[in-house]
Protein backbone atom coordinates (compact mmCIF):
# COMPACT_ATOMS: atom_id res chain seq x y z
CA UNK A 1 -5.57 45.14 -21.86
CA UNK A 2 -3.45 43.73 -19.12
CA UNK A 3 -3.80 41.64 -16.66
CA UNK A 4 -5.81 42.35 -13.57
CA UNK A 5 -3.83 43.15 -10.14
CA UNK A 6 -3.69 40.19 -7.95
CA UNK A 7 -5.38 40.96 -4.27
CA UNK A 8 -3.27 39.11 -1.53
CA UNK A 9 -0.72 36.53 -2.27
CA UNK A 10 -2.16 32.88 -1.37
CA UNK A 11 -5.07 30.91 -2.51
CA UNK A 12 -5.87 29.17 0.56
CA UNK A 13 -7.90 26.10 1.42
CA UNK A 14 -8.73 24.74 4.97
CA UNK A 15 -8.63 20.88 5.84
CA UNK A 16 -10.30 18.92 8.19
CA UNK A 17 -8.44 20.51 11.34
CA UNK A 18 -9.53 23.90 12.23
CA UNK A 19 -5.82 25.06 11.94
CA UNK A 20 -4.48 22.86 9.04
CA UNK A 21 -4.24 24.90 5.80
CA UNK A 22 -2.92 24.27 2.23
CA UNK A 23 -2.53 27.27 0.00
CA UNK A 24 -1.04 28.08 -3.37
CA UNK A 25 0.99 31.17 -4.03
CA UNK A 26 0.37 32.71 -7.03
CA UNK A 27 3.85 34.58 -7.32
CA UNK A 28 5.95 31.45 -6.85
CA UNK A 29 5.41 29.93 -10.00
CA UNK A 30 7.81 27.72 -12.08
CA UNK A 31 8.68 27.32 -15.97
CA UNK A 32 5.71 25.09 -16.63
CA UNK A 33 3.57 27.78 -14.76
CA UNK A 34 2.62 25.31 -11.90
CA UNK A 35 1.96 27.43 -8.60
CA UNK A 36 3.80 26.19 -5.60
CA UNK A 37 1.87 24.77 -3.09
CA UNK A 38 2.34 24.97 0.82
CA UNK A 39 0.96 23.03 3.59
CA UNK A 40 0.92 24.36 7.57
CA UNK A 41 -0.75 21.85 9.95
CA UNK A 42 -0.89 23.24 13.79
CA UNK A 43 0.08 19.67 14.86
CA UNK A 44 3.66 19.86 13.58
CA UNK A 45 6.41 22.07 14.91
CA UNK A 46 7.83 23.29 11.56
CA UNK A 47 6.67 26.22 9.32
CA UNK A 48 4.96 25.96 5.90
CA UNK A 49 6.43 22.99 3.90
CA UNK A 50 6.87 23.96 0.03
CA UNK A 51 5.72 21.67 -2.60
CA UNK A 52 6.71 22.30 -6.30
CA UNK A 53 2.82 21.83 -7.44
CA UNK A 54 -0.54 21.36 -6.12
CA UNK A 55 -0.22 17.77 -7.33
CA UNK A 56 2.90 16.92 -5.61
CA UNK A 57 1.43 18.24 -2.45
CA UNK A 58 -1.50 15.95 -3.21
CA UNK A 59 0.45 12.91 -4.07
CA UNK A 60 2.71 13.15 -0.79
CA UNK A 61 -0.56 13.42 1.15
CA UNK A 62 -2.18 10.55 -0.41
CA UNK A 63 1.23 8.58 0.04
CA UNK A 64 1.45 9.60 3.70
CA UNK A 65 -2.18 8.58 4.42
CA UNK A 66 -1.83 5.07 2.86
CA UNK A 67 1.71 4.62 4.89
CA UNK A 68 -0.57 4.94 7.82
CA UNK A 69 -2.56 1.98 6.82
CA UNK A 70 0.69 -0.16 6.47
CA UNK A 71 1.83 0.63 9.88
CA UNK A 72 -1.44 -0.46 11.59
CA UNK A 73 -1.10 -4.01 9.48
CA UNK A 74 2.07 -4.46 10.66
CA UNK A 75 1.03 -4.51 14.35
């Protein structure tokens, strides 16, 4: 029995903003089976930013969040 056909090309999850998106692309898979993750934030004037995996995306967001706190401590 074969694998079922995929519907669509991405699994999408909404962030805190109404137009902020993070999504996984089941068609963009690396040699370890990790799906690429993309982020698209309306407040940025760029297209979707690709990350090698969901973990990589989350680590980047986590690091960026904590960098904001360090910036506030410096002022």
